[in-house]
Protein backbone atom coordinates (compact mmCIF):
# COMPACT_ATOMS: atom_id res chain seq x y z
CA MET A 1 0.23 22.14 38.29
CA ARG A 2 0.03 23.63 34.81
CA ARG A 3 -3.01 23.29 32.56
CA VAL A 4 -2.64 21.09 29.47
CA ALA A 5 -4.06 22.12 26.11
CA VAL A 6 -4.78 19.96 23.08
CA THR A 7 -3.72 21.95 20.03
CA GLY A 8 -3.52 19.40 17.22
CA MET A 9 -4.84 16.00 16.09
CA GLY A 10 -3.99 13.49 13.37
CA VAL A 11 -5.23 10.04 12.40
CA VAL A 12 -4.63 7.15 10.05
CA SER A 13 -7.56 4.80 10.52
CA PRO A 14 -10.04 2.37 9.00
CA LEU A 15 -12.46 5.32 8.93
CA GLY A 16 -10.16 7.64 7.00
CA ASN A 17 -6.66 9.02 7.02
CA ASP A 18 -7.38 12.57 8.13
CA ILE A 19 -9.51 14.19 10.81
CA GLU A 20 -12.34 15.33 8.54
CA THR A 21 -12.80 11.94 6.88
CA PHE A 22 -12.56 10.19 10.25
CA TYR A 23 -15.17 12.51 11.75
CA GLY A 24 -17.45 12.13 8.74
CA SER A 25 -17.41 8.35 9.16
CA LEU A 26 -18.17 8.61 12.87
CA ALA A 27 -21.04 11.01 12.23
CA ALA A 28 -22.50 8.77 9.52
CA GLY A 29 -22.13 5.58 11.58
CA ARG A 30 -20.06 4.14 8.74
CA SER A 31 -18.12 0.93 9.33
CA GLY A 32 -14.49 0.59 8.30
CA ILE A 33 -14.52 -3.14 9.05
CA VAL A 34 -14.12 -5.22 5.91
CA ARG A 35 -13.45 -8.77 4.83
CA LEU A 36 -9.71 -9.17 4.59
CA PRO A 37 -7.99 -11.18 1.88
CA PRO A 38 -6.67 -14.48 3.26
CA PRO A 39 -3.32 -13.73 4.92
CA ALA A 40 -0.22 -15.34 3.45
CA PRO A 41 0.29 -18.60 5.36
CA ALA A 42 3.51 -19.34 7.20
CA HIS A 43 3.98 -22.49 5.15
CA PRO A 44 3.85 -23.35 1.43
CA GLY A 45 0.92 -25.11 -0.14
CA PRO A 46 -2.84 -24.80 0.31
CA PRO A 47 -4.44 -23.28 3.40
CA ALA A 48 -4.14 -25.55 6.40
CA PRO A 49 -6.40 -25.89 9.45
CA GLY A 50 -4.31 -23.13 11.03
CA GLN A 51 -5.99 -20.46 8.94
CA PRO A 52 -7.96 -17.94 11.06
CA ARG A 53 -11.65 -18.74 11.28
CA THR A 54 -12.52 -15.10 10.59
CA HIS A 55 -11.10 -12.71 8.02
CA VAL A 56 -12.62 -9.40 9.07
CA GLY A 57 -10.66 -6.41 10.29
CA GLY A 58 -10.55 -2.66 10.49
CA ALA A 59 -8.18 -2.17 7.57
CA VAL A 60 -6.48 1.07 6.53
CA THR A 61 -6.33 2.07 2.87
CA PHE A 62 -2.83 3.49 2.71
CA ASP A 63 -0.30 4.14 -0.05
CA ALA A 64 3.00 4.34 1.78
CA ALA A 65 4.82 5.40 -1.40
CA ALA A 66 2.80 8.63 -1.39
CA PHE A 67 4.49 9.63 1.88
CA PHE A 68 7.93 8.01 1.88
CA ALA A 69 10.71 7.57 -0.65
CA ALA A 70 11.74 3.98 -1.39
CA PRO A 71 15.04 4.07 0.58
CA ARG A 72 13.24 5.23 3.71
CA LEU A 73 10.42 2.75 3.30
CA ARG A 74 12.96 -0.06 3.54
CA MET A 75 13.49 0.99 7.19
CA LEU A 76 9.87 1.52 8.20
CA ASP A 77 7.42 -1.13 9.35
CA ARG A 78 3.79 -0.37 8.65
CA VAL A 79 3.33 0.63 12.30
CA SER A 80 5.94 3.39 11.95
CA GLN A 81 4.52 4.54 8.62
CA PHE A 82 1.12 5.09 10.22
CA ALA A 83 2.66 6.85 13.22
CA LEU A 84 4.77 9.26 11.21
CA VAL A 85 1.84 10.30 9.02
CA ALA A 86 -0.60 10.76 11.92
CA ALA A 87 1.97 12.68 13.98
CA ALA A 88 2.80 14.96 11.05
CA GLN A 89 -0.91 15.72 10.66
CA ALA A 90 -1.14 16.62 14.34
CA VAL A 91 1.89 18.92 14.10
CA GLY A 92 0.40 20.64 11.05
CA ASP A 93 -3.00 20.93 12.70
CA ALA A 94 -1.40 22.55 15.75
CA GLY A 95 0.44 25.04 13.55
CA ILE A 96 3.53 24.54 15.63
CA ALA A 97 6.98 25.33 14.23
CA PHE A 98 9.53 23.41 16.25
CA ASP A 99 12.25 25.78 15.06
CA ALA A 100 10.60 28.33 17.35
CA VAL A 101 10.30 25.91 20.30
CA ASP A 102 12.89 24.76 22.81
CA ARG A 103 13.34 21.27 21.37
CA ALA A 104 14.80 20.02 24.64
CA ARG A 105 11.43 20.76 26.25
CA ALA A 106 9.46 18.86 23.61
CA GLY A 107 9.20 15.11 23.24
CA VAL A 108 7.29 12.06 22.04
CA PHE A 109 5.33 9.48 24.01
CA ALA A 110 3.81 6.64 21.99
CA GLY A 111 1.91 3.46 22.73
CA THR A 112 1.89 0.17 20.88
CA GLY A 113 0.96 -3.33 21.89
CA MET A 114 2.80 -5.25 19.20
CA GLY A 115 5.37 -2.93 17.61
CA GLY A 116 6.57 -3.95 14.16
CA ALA A 117 4.43 -7.08 13.94
CA GLN A 118 4.47 -7.16 10.15
CA THR A 119 8.26 -7.21 10.05
CA ALA A 120 8.37 -10.03 12.59
CA ASP A 121 5.79 -12.03 10.64
CA ASP A 122 7.67 -11.49 7.37
CA GLY A 123 10.93 -12.58 9.00
CA TYR A 124 9.49 -15.82 10.33
CA ARG A 125 8.02 -16.61 6.93
CA THR A 126 11.36 -15.95 5.23
CA LEU A 127 13.20 -18.21 7.67
CA TYR A 128 10.79 -21.07 8.16
CA ALA A 129 8.59 -21.19 5.07
CA GLU A 130 11.06 -20.10 2.44
CA GLY A 131 14.07 -21.74 4.04
CA SER A 132 16.28 -18.68 3.85
CA ASP A 133 19.07 -18.08 6.35
CA ARG A 134 18.75 -14.29 6.10
CA VAL A 135 16.09 -11.67 6.85
CA LYS A 136 15.87 -7.98 5.99
CA PRO A 137 18.95 -6.17 7.29
CA PHE A 138 16.84 -3.60 9.15
CA SER A 139 14.50 -6.16 10.75
CA VAL A 140 15.49 -5.36 14.32
CA LEU A 141 15.13 -1.62 13.79
CA MET A 142 11.76 -2.08 12.10
CA ALA A 143 10.29 -4.50 14.64
CA MET A 144 11.40 -2.88 17.89
CA HIS A 145 8.53 -1.37 19.85
CA ASN A 146 10.10 2.07 20.19
CA ALA A 147 10.73 2.53 16.47
CA ALA A 148 7.66 4.70 15.81
CA ALA A 149 8.37 7.09 18.68
CA ALA A 150 12.03 7.26 17.72
CA TRP A 151 11.24 8.10 14.10
CA ILE A 152 8.78 10.82 15.14
CA GLY A 153 11.42 12.37 17.40
CA ILE A 154 13.96 12.26 14.60
CA GLU A 155 11.50 13.69 12.08
CA HIS A 156 10.83 16.76 14.22
CA GLY A 157 14.20 17.07 15.95
CA LEU A 158 12.79 16.75 19.47
CA THR A 159 15.41 16.09 22.13
CA GLY A 160 13.14 15.95 25.18
CA PRO A 161 11.77 12.69 26.63
CA ASN A 162 11.00 9.94 24.13
CA LEU A 163 9.23 6.90 25.58
CA THR A 164 7.20 3.97 24.31
CA PHE A 165 4.51 2.41 26.49
CA SER A 166 3.34 -1.15 25.92
CA THR A 167 0.45 -2.05 28.20
CA ALA A 168 -1.54 -3.98 25.60
CA CYS A 169 -4.86 -2.31 24.78
CA SER A 170 -4.31 0.71 27.06
CA SER A 171 -0.85 1.55 25.67
CA SER A 172 -1.63 4.81 23.89
CA ALA A 173 -4.01 6.01 26.62
CA VAL A 174 -1.12 5.58 29.06
CA ALA A 175 1.17 7.45 26.64
CA LEU A 176 -1.27 10.36 26.50
CA GLY A 177 -1.77 10.46 30.26
CA GLU A 178 1.92 10.29 31.05
CA ALA A 179 2.70 12.98 28.46
CA ALA A 180 0.09 15.26 30.01
CA ARG A 181 1.64 14.67 33.44
CA ARG A 182 5.08 15.74 32.20
CA ILE A 183 3.57 18.98 30.93
CA ALA A 184 1.49 19.57 34.06
CA THR A 185 4.53 19.22 36.30
CA GLY A 186 6.65 21.57 34.19
CA GLU A 187 9.15 19.06 32.81
CA VAL A 188 8.25 19.84 29.19
CA ASP A 189 6.17 22.35 27.23
CA VAL A 190 5.05 20.31 24.19
CA MET A 191 4.49 16.60 23.58
CA ILE A 192 3.52 14.60 20.52
CA ALA A 193 1.53 11.77 22.10
CA GLY A 194 -0.51 8.87 20.76
CA GLY A 195 -0.12 5.38 19.43
CA SER A 196 0.14 3.13 16.42
CA GLU A 197 -0.65 -0.50 15.62
CA ALA A 198 -0.50 -2.72 12.53
CA PRO A 199 -1.58 -6.23 13.55
CA LEU A 200 -3.41 -7.49 10.46
CA ASN A 201 -0.95 -10.20 9.48
CA TYR A 202 -1.11 -13.99 9.46
CA GLY A 203 0.71 -14.68 12.71
CA THR A 204 -1.18 -12.08 14.74
CA LEU A 205 -4.58 -13.16 13.43
CA ILE A 206 -3.81 -16.80 14.20
CA ALA A 207 -2.63 -15.91 17.71
CA TRP A 208 -5.72 -13.87 18.55
CA ASP A 209 -7.95 -16.51 17.03
CA ALA A 210 -6.35 -19.13 19.29
CA MET A 211 -7.70 -17.25 22.32
CA LYS A 212 -11.24 -17.43 20.90
CA THR A 213 -11.63 -13.66 21.29
CA LEU A 214 -12.20 -12.69 17.65
CA ALA A 215 -15.71 -11.99 16.38
CA THR A 216 -17.48 -14.31 14.02
CA GLU A 217 -17.90 -12.66 10.64
CA ASP A 218 -21.44 -11.40 10.16
CA ALA A 219 -23.01 -13.56 7.45
CA ASP A 220 -24.78 -10.64 5.76
CA ASP A 221 -22.33 -7.77 6.20
CA ALA A 222 -18.68 -7.90 7.26
CA GLY A 223 -19.03 -4.33 8.51
CA ALA A 224 -21.57 -5.51 11.09
CA SER A 225 -19.25 -8.07 12.68
CA CYS A 226 -18.37 -5.95 15.71
CA LYS A 227 -21.41 -5.58 17.99
CA PRO A 228 -20.45 -3.93 21.30
CA PHE A 229 -23.00 -4.23 24.10
CA ALA A 230 -25.41 -6.28 21.94
CA LYS A 231 -26.70 -9.61 23.17
CA ASN A 232 -25.52 -11.28 19.96
CA ARG A 233 -21.96 -9.95 20.18
CA THR A 234 -19.35 -12.60 19.41
CA GLY A 235 -16.01 -10.92 20.09
CA LEU A 236 -13.63 -8.20 19.02
CA VAL A 237 -12.47 -7.26 15.53
CA LEU A 238 -8.82 -6.29 15.14
CA GLY A 239 -8.05 -2.95 13.52
CA GLU A 240 -4.97 -1.04 12.46
CA GLY A 241 -3.98 2.60 12.36
CA ALA A 242 -2.54 5.45 14.40
CA ALA A 243 -3.63 8.59 16.20
CA PHE A 244 -1.52 11.37 17.69
CA VAL A 245 -2.28 14.67 19.37
CA ILE A 246 -0.23 17.69 20.34
CA LEU A 247 -0.37 18.33 24.07
CA GLU A 248 0.94 21.69 25.17
CA ASP A 249 1.34 23.83 28.25
CA TRP A 250 -1.67 26.16 28.24
CA ALA A 251 0.38 29.35 28.63
CA HIS A 252 2.84 28.19 25.95
CA ALA A 253 -0.03 27.59 23.52
CA ARG A 254 -1.59 30.98 24.26
CA ALA A 255 1.74 32.77 23.87
CA ARG A 256 2.19 31.46 20.33
CA GLY A 257 -1.42 32.17 19.38
CA ALA A 258 -2.42 28.54 18.99
CA ARG A 259 -6.00 27.37 18.60
CA ILE A 260 -6.77 25.33 21.71
CA ARG A 261 -9.10 22.53 20.68
CA ALA A 262 -9.78 21.21 24.19
CA GLU A 263 -8.26 20.89 27.63
CA PHE A 264 -6.70 17.63 28.75
CA ALA A 265 -8.33 17.53 32.14
CA GLY A 266 -7.78 14.17 33.86
CA TYR A 267 -5.97 10.85 33.84
CA GLY A 268 -6.58 7.77 35.94
CA LEU A 269 -4.30 4.73 35.99
CA CYS A 270 -4.49 1.51 37.99
CA THR A 271 -3.99 -2.23 37.67
CA ASP A 272 -6.43 -5.06 38.36
CA ALA A 273 -3.65 -7.37 39.63
CA GLY A 274 -6.08 -10.24 39.40
CA HIS A 275 -6.09 -12.14 36.13
CA ILE A 276 -4.09 -11.74 32.93
CA THR A 277 -7.17 -11.56 30.68
CA ARG A 278 -10.28 -11.26 32.85
CA PRO A 279 -11.31 -7.64 33.65
CA THR A 280 -12.71 -6.55 37.00
CA VAL A 281 -15.39 -4.05 37.90
CA GLU A 282 -13.25 -2.80 40.77
CA GLY A 283 -10.22 -2.06 38.60
CA GLN A 284 -12.13 -0.26 35.87
CA ALA A 285 -14.12 1.74 38.40
CA ALA A 286 -10.94 2.73 40.25
CA ALA A 287 -9.38 4.11 37.05
CA MET A 288 -12.50 6.16 36.32
CA ARG A 289 -12.55 7.55 39.86
CA ARG A 290 -8.86 8.45 39.68
CA ALA A 291 -9.43 10.28 36.40
CA LEU A 292 -12.30 12.25 37.95
CA ALA A 293 -10.14 13.11 40.97
CA SER A 294 -7.28 14.16 38.68
CA ALA A 295 -9.67 16.49 36.85
CA ALA A 296 -11.19 17.74 40.12
CA MET A 297 -14.60 16.76 38.74
CA GLY A 298 -17.60 14.99 40.17
CA PRO A 299 -19.39 12.29 38.19
CA GLU A 300 -22.11 14.78 37.24
CA ALA A 301 -19.61 16.74 35.11
CA ILE A 302 -19.17 13.94 32.55
CA GLY A 303 -21.52 14.31 29.61
CA HIS A 304 -20.36 11.37 27.52
CA ILE A 305 -18.22 8.23 27.84
CA ASN A 306 -16.28 6.78 24.92
CA ALA A 307 -16.29 3.20 26.16
CA HIS A 308 -13.59 0.58 25.81
CA GLY A 309 -16.48 -1.53 24.43
CA THR A 310 -14.62 -4.36 22.73
CA ALA A 311 -17.71 -6.51 22.01
CA THR A 312 -16.41 -9.44 24.02
CA LEU A 313 -18.91 -11.07 26.36
CA ALA A 314 -16.88 -10.37 29.49
CA ASN A 315 -15.63 -6.84 28.85
CA ASP A 316 -18.90 -5.21 27.86
CA ALA A 317 -20.76 -6.54 30.89
CA VAL A 318 -17.92 -5.62 33.28
CA GLU A 319 -17.55 -2.11 31.83
CA THR A 320 -21.29 -1.52 32.11
CA ALA A 321 -21.18 -2.56 35.76
CA ALA A 322 -18.12 -0.39 36.42
CA ILE A 323 -19.82 2.68 34.93
CA LYS A 324 -22.83 2.05 37.16
CA ASP A 325 -20.54 1.68 40.16
CA VAL A 326 -18.88 5.05 39.53
CA PHE A 327 -21.83 7.09 38.29
CA GLY A 328 -24.67 5.55 40.28
CA SER A 329 -28.07 6.91 39.32
CA LEU A 330 -26.41 9.19 36.74
CA ALA A 331 -25.24 6.21 34.68
CA GLN A 332 -28.58 5.76 32.91
CA ARG A 333 -28.47 9.37 31.69
CA ILE A 334 -24.91 9.44 30.32
CA PRO A 335 -24.56 8.54 26.63
CA VAL A 336 -21.97 5.77 26.30
CA ALA A 337 -20.64 4.75 22.89
CA SER A 338 -18.12 2.29 21.49
CA THR A 339 -16.56 3.58 18.28
CA LYS A 340 -14.83 0.19 18.00
CA SER A 341 -18.08 -0.92 16.37
CA MET A 342 -16.91 1.11 13.36
CA HIS A 343 -13.10 0.94 13.36
CA GLY A 344 -12.40 -2.26 15.27
CA HIS A 345 -9.94 -2.68 18.13
CA LEU A 346 -6.62 -0.99 17.39
CA LEU A 347 -5.03 -2.64 20.45
CA GLY A 348 -2.22 -0.32 21.58
CA ALA A 349 -3.47 2.53 19.39
CA ALA A 350 -7.11 2.24 20.49
CA GLY A 351 -6.89 4.70 23.38
CA ALA A 352 -5.43 7.46 21.24
CA LEU A 353 -7.89 7.01 18.38
CA GLU A 354 -10.82 6.97 20.79
CA PHE A 355 -9.46 10.04 22.61
CA VAL A 356 -9.52 11.84 19.26
CA ALA A 357 -13.15 10.70 18.85
CA ALA A 358 -13.85 12.13 22.32
CA LEU A 359 -12.22 15.43 21.36
CA LEU A 360 -14.36 15.59 18.23
CA THR A 361 -17.48 14.94 20.31
CA LEU A 362 -16.71 18.10 22.27
CA GLU A 363 -15.67 20.16 19.28
CA ARG A 364 -18.38 19.15 16.80
CA ARG A 365 -21.15 18.68 19.39
CA LEU A 366 -22.09 15.25 18.07
CA LEU A 367 -22.18 11.92 19.90
CA PRO A 368 -20.82 9.04 17.80
CA PRO A 369 -23.02 5.95 17.72
CA THR A 370 -22.47 2.36 18.70
CA ILE A 371 -23.47 0.72 15.44
CA ASN A 372 -24.73 -2.86 15.02
CA LEU A 373 -26.61 -2.65 18.32
CA LEU A 374 -29.86 -4.25 17.18
CA VAL A 375 -30.34 -6.92 19.85
CA PRO A 376 -30.28 -5.38 23.37
CA ASP A 377 -28.58 -7.26 26.19
CA PRO A 378 -30.38 -6.99 29.55
CA GLU A 379 -26.97 -7.12 31.25
CA CYS A 380 -25.83 -4.08 29.23
CA ASP A 381 -28.62 -1.60 29.84
CA LEU A 382 -27.10 1.88 29.50
CA ASP A 383 -27.66 4.44 26.74
CA TYR A 384 -25.13 3.30 24.14
CA VAL A 385 -26.24 5.79 21.44
CA PRO A 386 -27.43 2.87 19.30
CA ASN A 387 -26.87 2.96 15.54
CA ARG A 388 -27.24 6.70 14.87
CA ALA A 389 -25.22 9.74 15.94
CA ARG A 390 -26.94 12.23 18.21
CA ALA A 391 -26.49 15.88 19.12
CA ALA A 392 -24.18 16.35 22.11
CA ASP A 393 -26.22 19.12 23.70
CA GLY A 394 -24.72 20.43 26.91
CA VAL A 395 -21.72 18.08 26.89
CA GLU A 396 -18.73 19.92 28.35
CA ALA A 397 -16.55 17.00 29.46
CA VAL A 398 -15.95 13.55 27.97
CA MET A 399 -14.36 10.43 29.45
CA SER A 400 -12.47 7.88 27.35
CA ASN A 401 -11.90 4.37 28.77
CA SER A 402 -9.07 1.98 27.87
CA PHE A 403 -8.68 -1.37 29.59
CA ALA A 404 -6.15 -4.06 28.78
CA PHE A 405 -4.96 -7.62 29.01
CA GLY A 406 -2.57 -7.63 31.94
CA GLY A 407 -5.01 -5.47 33.86
CA THR A 408 -3.69 -1.97 33.17
CA ASN A 409 -6.66 0.42 33.16
CA ALA A 410 -6.25 3.95 31.82
CA VAL A 411 -8.99 6.59 31.70
CA LEU A 412 -8.69 10.03 30.11
CA ILE A 413 -10.92 13.10 30.48
CA CYS A 414 -11.04 16.10 28.17
CA ARG A 415 -13.22 19.19 28.47
CA THR A 416 -14.19 22.20 26.45
CA ALA A 417 -11.50 24.87 26.45
CA HIS A 418 -12.26 27.88 28.62
CA ASP A 419 -9.75 30.49 29.82
């Protein structure tokens, strides 16, 4: 099996649209969760009882016209816009020239839970609220789940494997893990891997609200609405954005003189096969153990866990118990943090964004905090790096957890690069 290097990173996120701004927000414990303007209703007239009860989200400040000409924008849903920009950043950060690479041995794996949700929402409004019998001519191409991955492949001329994974909230973690496997087994040399999501529209907010999973807006500060592992947590906050990395065969990266930012060390994948929404300790623990086995590591090697940490009552308690199950007496000594407290839950893009946060923990030697953790929960009693970042002394390997509706659990491990 070949070693897998991480040579580039890129993000579009509620915490900033480049790696340095994103890292600065993590280090400062700065929230990107804001009060959203009321979404356009799917019917004319004043707001009806169907309006979401909460209007907070991890929103991206993004001027699409700064990146794309008007004719191209007419073919790109917001989810693809984010993906193209984040992927281009990662390519630039890796310093890779695809003209000098065998393009048939380079590809794109992307994750998304909802695809072009904005296009779908706009189309329904046009048909049912405005009474039109036509929608945008490119609606199908904009809304399809594989659009972002396809556009990235086209942008960089990559003719190797191009796949989209949709396993709800673990989608982009699965994309990263499967991309790393293709490199490790020798099928490809370079992969652009990550995920994108743009769910902050009327229909999506209403649908999530109907499940009673969304957080109640904090009365004093919208940015404090997401409270992972706190006793007073009330639910998740949806976020939008994209994150992509360049994964590369280690020898290939060395041969071209690339800067190796970290090693992609392990990947664990399993399914609860129990309940469509309710997580299980056994499933989450199994994914963590499989990731450790994939990395040929014992639990003592992990110096930090970037938790799934959605701030729902069920998930945070189950994840805490699963970490204890895997790490035993070590669990109390491992710093665990949920960066969702700052950027919200990016659904299918969450795993990729949080993997980038894990990479930055290794590279910058700083543990990101779990902000808004002011009221401890006796059921969640690990070290969650509450409220303030902390030095990551001695951390050589980091685990990133992604768990999903449907029960697909994906866990990634990265470690400091050593020849």
